[in-house]
């Protein structure tokens, strides 16, 4: 789905890094600095970026780190909502004290892809 404020454009990838997967990673999900899925633990478990494709343990995967990426949702999300990763890297509704991005589109069903503006992973 194209973003609501930029129709016709799926995402705006500005930067990416290569991450070696330490867990089996799915496409379009947040990945932590340590190559697994992010958690609220912070540090190496903060979200570094969003995977562009799936990766098995030990494989390299490109993770988008700049401006926006398509992220799979774990629940319906409204346009403009703050979002954070769940335990398997899907977008869920965040708060001002715990977030990793802002929804640039809306999702009405689990599993949809939305454009998310990537922000520094923040915890309370």
C-alpha atoms as a PDB file:
ATOM      1  CA  UNK A   1       0.000   0.000   0.000  1.00  0.00           C
ATOM      2  CA  UNK A   2       1.363   3.431  -0.889  1.00  0.00           C
ATOM      3  CA  UNK A   3       1.703   5.870   1.971  1.00  0.00           C
ATOM      4  CA  UNK A   4      -1.176   8.248   2.538  1.00  0.00           C
ATOM      5  CA  UNK A   5       0.966  11.351   2.330  1.00  0.00           C
ATOM      6  CA  UNK A   6       2.990  10.222  -0.692  1.00  0.00           C
ATOM      7  CA  UNK A   7       0.683   8.283  -2.977  1.00  0.00           C
ATOM      8  CA  UNK A   8       2.255   6.030  -5.542  1.00  0.00           C
ATOM      9  CA  UNK A   9       5.518   5.613  -3.629  1.00  0.00           C
ATOM     10  CA  UNK A  10       6.123   2.560  -1.468  1.00  0.00           C
ATOM     11  CA  UNK A  11       9.106   3.740   0.594  1.00  0.00           C
ATOM     12  CA  UNK A  12      12.140   6.009   0.474  1.00  0.00           C
ATOM     13  CA  UNK A  13      15.299   4.042   1.227  1.00  0.00           C
ATOM     14  CA  UNK A  14      18.151   6.444   1.968  1.00  0.00           C
ATOM     15  CA  UNK A  15      20.631   4.184   3.752  1.00  0.00           C
ATOM     16  CA  UNK A  16      21.111   0.482   4.466  1.00  0.00           C
ATOM     17  CA  UNK A  17      23.614  -1.716   6.288  1.00  0.00           C
ATOM     18  CA  UNK A  18      24.494  -5.376   6.006  1.00  0.00           C
ATOM     19  CA  UNK A  19      23.642  -7.439   9.075  1.00  0.00           C
ATOM     20  CA  UNK A  20      24.569 -11.086   9.674  1.00  0.00           C
ATOM     21  CA  UNK A  21      21.497 -12.894  11.007  1.00  0.00           C
ATOM     22  CA  UNK A  22      21.849 -14.523  14.438  1.00  0.00           C
ATOM     23  CA  UNK A  23      18.232 -15.728  14.184  1.00  0.00           C
ATOM     24  CA  UNK A  24      16.055 -16.665  11.218  1.00  0.00           C
ATOM     25  CA  UNK A  25      14.791 -13.272  10.002  1.00  0.00           C
ATOM     26  CA  UNK A  26      11.707 -12.573   7.909  1.00  0.00           C
ATOM     27  CA  UNK A  27      11.513  -9.820   5.286  1.00  0.00           C
ATOM     28  CA  UNK A  28      10.048  -6.405   6.178  1.00  0.00           C
ATOM     29  CA  UNK A  29      10.714  -6.700   9.906  1.00  0.00           C
ATOM     30  CA  UNK A  30      12.887  -4.774  12.327  1.00  0.00           C
ATOM     31  CA  UNK A  31      16.300  -6.279  13.050  1.00  0.00           C
ATOM     32  CA  UNK A  32      18.505  -5.541  16.067  1.00  0.00           C
ATOM     33  CA  UNK A  33      22.174  -4.548  15.984  1.00  0.00           C
ATOM     34  CA  UNK A  34      23.096  -8.094  17.083  1.00  0.00           C
ATOM     35  CA  UNK A  35      21.361  -9.684  14.063  1.00  0.00           C
ATOM     36  CA  UNK A  36      18.298 -10.954  15.930  1.00  0.00           C
ATOM     37  CA  UNK A  37      14.930  -9.370  16.603  1.00  0.00           C
ATOM     38  CA  UNK A  38      14.790  -6.216  18.770  1.00  0.00           C
ATOM     39  CA  UNK A  39      13.623  -6.243  22.388  1.00  0.00           C
ATOM     40  CA  UNK A  40      13.073  -3.513  25.001  1.00  0.00           C
ATOM     41  CA  UNK A  41      16.472  -4.468  26.507  1.00  0.00           C
ATOM     42  CA  UNK A  42      18.171  -1.683  24.544  1.00  0.00           C
ATOM     43  CA  UNK A  43      21.801  -1.609  23.413  1.00  0.00           C
ATOM     44  CA  UNK A  44      22.539  -4.361  20.869  1.00  0.00           C
ATOM     45  CA  UNK A  45      18.850  -5.352  21.052  1.00  0.00           C
ATOM     46  CA  UNK A  46      17.606  -1.943  19.815  1.00  0.00           C
ATOM     47  CA  UNK A  47      16.159  -1.846  16.302  1.00  0.00           C
ATOM     48  CA  UNK A  48      18.894  -0.960  13.801  1.00  0.00           C
ATOM     49  CA  UNK A  49      16.810  -1.158  10.649  1.00  0.00           C
ATOM     50  CA  UNK A  50      14.255  -3.119   8.627  1.00  0.00           C
ATOM     51  CA  UNK A  51      15.135  -6.219   6.611  1.00  0.00           C
ATOM     52  CA  UNK A  52      14.682  -6.083   2.845  1.00  0.00           C
ATOM     53  CA  UNK A  53      14.494  -9.875   2.494  1.00  0.00           C
ATOM     54  CA  UNK A  54      14.492 -12.997   4.680  1.00  0.00           C
ATOM     55  CA  UNK A  55      17.731 -14.493   6.010  1.00  0.00           C
ATOM     56  CA  UNK A  56      18.699 -17.745   7.728  1.00  0.00           C
ATOM     57  CA  UNK A  57      21.123 -17.823  10.664  1.00  0.00           C
ATOM     58  CA  UNK A  58      24.588 -16.828   9.438  1.00  0.00           C
ATOM     59  CA  UNK A  59      23.347 -15.212   6.215  1.00  0.00           C
ATOM     60  CA  UNK A  60      23.854 -11.552   5.390  1.00  0.00           C
ATOM     61  CA  UNK A  61      20.770  -9.375   5.004  1.00  0.00           C
ATOM     62  CA  UNK A  62      20.336  -5.756   3.950  1.00  0.00           C
ATOM     63  CA  UNK A  63      18.630  -3.620   6.592  1.00  0.00           C
ATOM     64  CA  UNK A  64      17.198  -0.214   5.679  1.00  0.00           C
ATOM     65  CA  UNK A  65      18.313   2.378   8.235  1.00  0.00           C
ATOM     66  CA  UNK A  66      17.425   5.693   6.592  1.00  0.00           C
ATOM     67  CA  UNK A  67      14.167   7.535   6.113  1.00  0.00           C
ATOM     68  CA  UNK A  68      11.484   4.873   5.498  1.00  0.00           C
ATOM     69  CA  UNK A  69      10.856   1.201   4.876  1.00  0.00           C
ATOM     70  CA  UNK A  70       7.985  -1.204   4.373  1.00  0.00           C
ATOM     71  CA  UNK A  71       7.210  -3.008   7.640  1.00  0.00           C
ATOM     72  CA  UNK A  72       4.821  -5.900   8.260  1.00  0.00           C
ATOM     73  CA  UNK A  73       2.214  -5.096  10.940  1.00  0.00           C
ATOM     74  CA  UNK A  74       1.158  -7.211  13.908  1.00  0.00           C
ATOM     75  CA  UNK A  75      -2.101  -5.306  14.397  1.00  0.00           C
ATOM     76  CA  UNK A  76      -4.160  -2.568  12.740  1.00  0.00           C
ATOM     77  CA  UNK A  77      -2.242   0.721  12.800  1.00  0.00           C
ATOM     78  CA  UNK A  78      -3.502   4.227  12.051  1.00  0.00           C
ATOM     79  CA  UNK A  79      -1.724   6.713   9.802  1.00  0.00           C
ATOM     80  CA  UNK A  80       0.618   8.866  11.906  1.00  0.00           C
ATOM     81  CA  UNK A  81       0.807   6.465  14.859  1.00  0.00           C
ATOM     82  CA  UNK A  82       4.105   5.849  16.625  1.00  0.00           C
ATOM     83  CA  UNK A  83       5.165   2.235  16.110  1.00  0.00           C
ATOM     84  CA  UNK A  84       7.633  -0.184  17.687  1.00  0.00           C
ATOM     85  CA  UNK A  85       8.778  -3.737  16.979  1.00  0.00           C
ATOM     86  CA  UNK A  86       7.109  -6.694  18.655  1.00  0.00           C
ATOM     87  CA  UNK A  87       9.075  -9.814  19.654  1.00  0.00           C
ATOM     88  CA  UNK A  88       9.379 -10.966  16.008  1.00  0.00           C
ATOM     89  CA  UNK A  89      10.069  -7.563  14.445  1.00  0.00           C
ATOM     90  CA  UNK A  90       6.546  -6.708  13.250  1.00  0.00           C
ATOM     91  CA  UNK A  91       5.169  -3.198  13.771  1.00  0.00           C
ATOM     92  CA  UNK A  92       2.854  -2.674  16.698  1.00  0.00           C
ATOM     93  CA  UNK A  93       1.489   0.553  18.191  1.00  0.00           C
ATOM     94  CA  UNK A  94       4.151   2.397  20.191  1.00  0.00           C
ATOM     95  CA  UNK A  95       4.121   5.291  22.631  1.00  0.00           C
ATOM     96  CA  UNK A  96       6.097   8.508  23.012  1.00  0.00           C
ATOM     97  CA  UNK A  97       8.318   6.626  25.486  1.00  0.00           C
ATOM     98  CA  UNK A  98       8.735   3.431  23.409  1.00  0.00           C
ATOM     99  CA  UNK A  99       8.910   3.637  19.618  1.00  0.00           C
ATOM    100  CA  UNK A 100      11.100   3.047  16.573  1.00  0.00           C
ATOM    101  CA  UNK A 101       9.111   4.805  13.858  1.00  0.00           C
ATOM    102  CA  UNK A 102       5.969   6.591  12.685  1.00  0.00           C
ATOM    103  CA  UNK A 103       3.350   5.085  10.372  1.00  0.00           C
ATOM    104  CA  UNK A 104       3.209   6.897   7.014  1.00  0.00           C
ATOM    105  CA  UNK A 105       0.301   4.697   5.949  1.00  0.00           C
ATOM    106  CA  UNK A 106      -2.509   2.804   7.643  1.00  0.00           C
ATOM    107  CA  UNK A 107      -3.033  -0.934   8.069  1.00  0.00           C
ATOM    108  CA  UNK A 108      -6.395  -2.524   8.763  1.00  0.00           C
ATOM    109  CA  UNK A 109      -5.268  -6.165   8.993  1.00  0.00           C
ATOM    110  CA  UNK A 110      -2.454  -8.200  10.529  1.00  0.00           C
ATOM    111  CA  UNK A 111       0.269  -8.988   7.979  1.00  0.00           C
ATOM    112  CA  UNK A 112      -0.167  -5.908   5.789  1.00  0.00           C
ATOM    113  CA  UNK A 113       2.864  -3.836   4.830  1.00  0.00           C
ATOM    114  CA  UNK A 114       2.936  -0.131   5.622  1.00  0.00           C
ATOM    115  CA  UNK A 115       5.521   2.554   5.038  1.00  0.00           C
ATOM    116  CA  UNK A 116       7.186   3.519   8.322  1.00  0.00           C
ATOM    117  CA  UNK A 117       9.412   6.537   8.859  1.00  0.00           C
ATOM    118  CA  UNK A 118      12.371   5.072  10.742  1.00  0.00           C
ATOM    119  CA  UNK A 119      13.325   6.814  13.984  1.00  0.00           C
ATOM    120  CA  UNK A 120      15.938   6.106  16.643  1.00  0.00           C
ATOM    121  CA  UNK A 121      14.644   3.237  18.818  1.00  0.00           C
ATOM    122  CA  UNK A 122      13.537   4.866  22.067  1.00  0.00           C
ATOM    123  CA  UNK A 123      12.578   3.236  25.392  1.00  0.00           C
ATOM    124  CA  UNK A 124      11.137   4.618  28.605  1.00  0.00           C
END
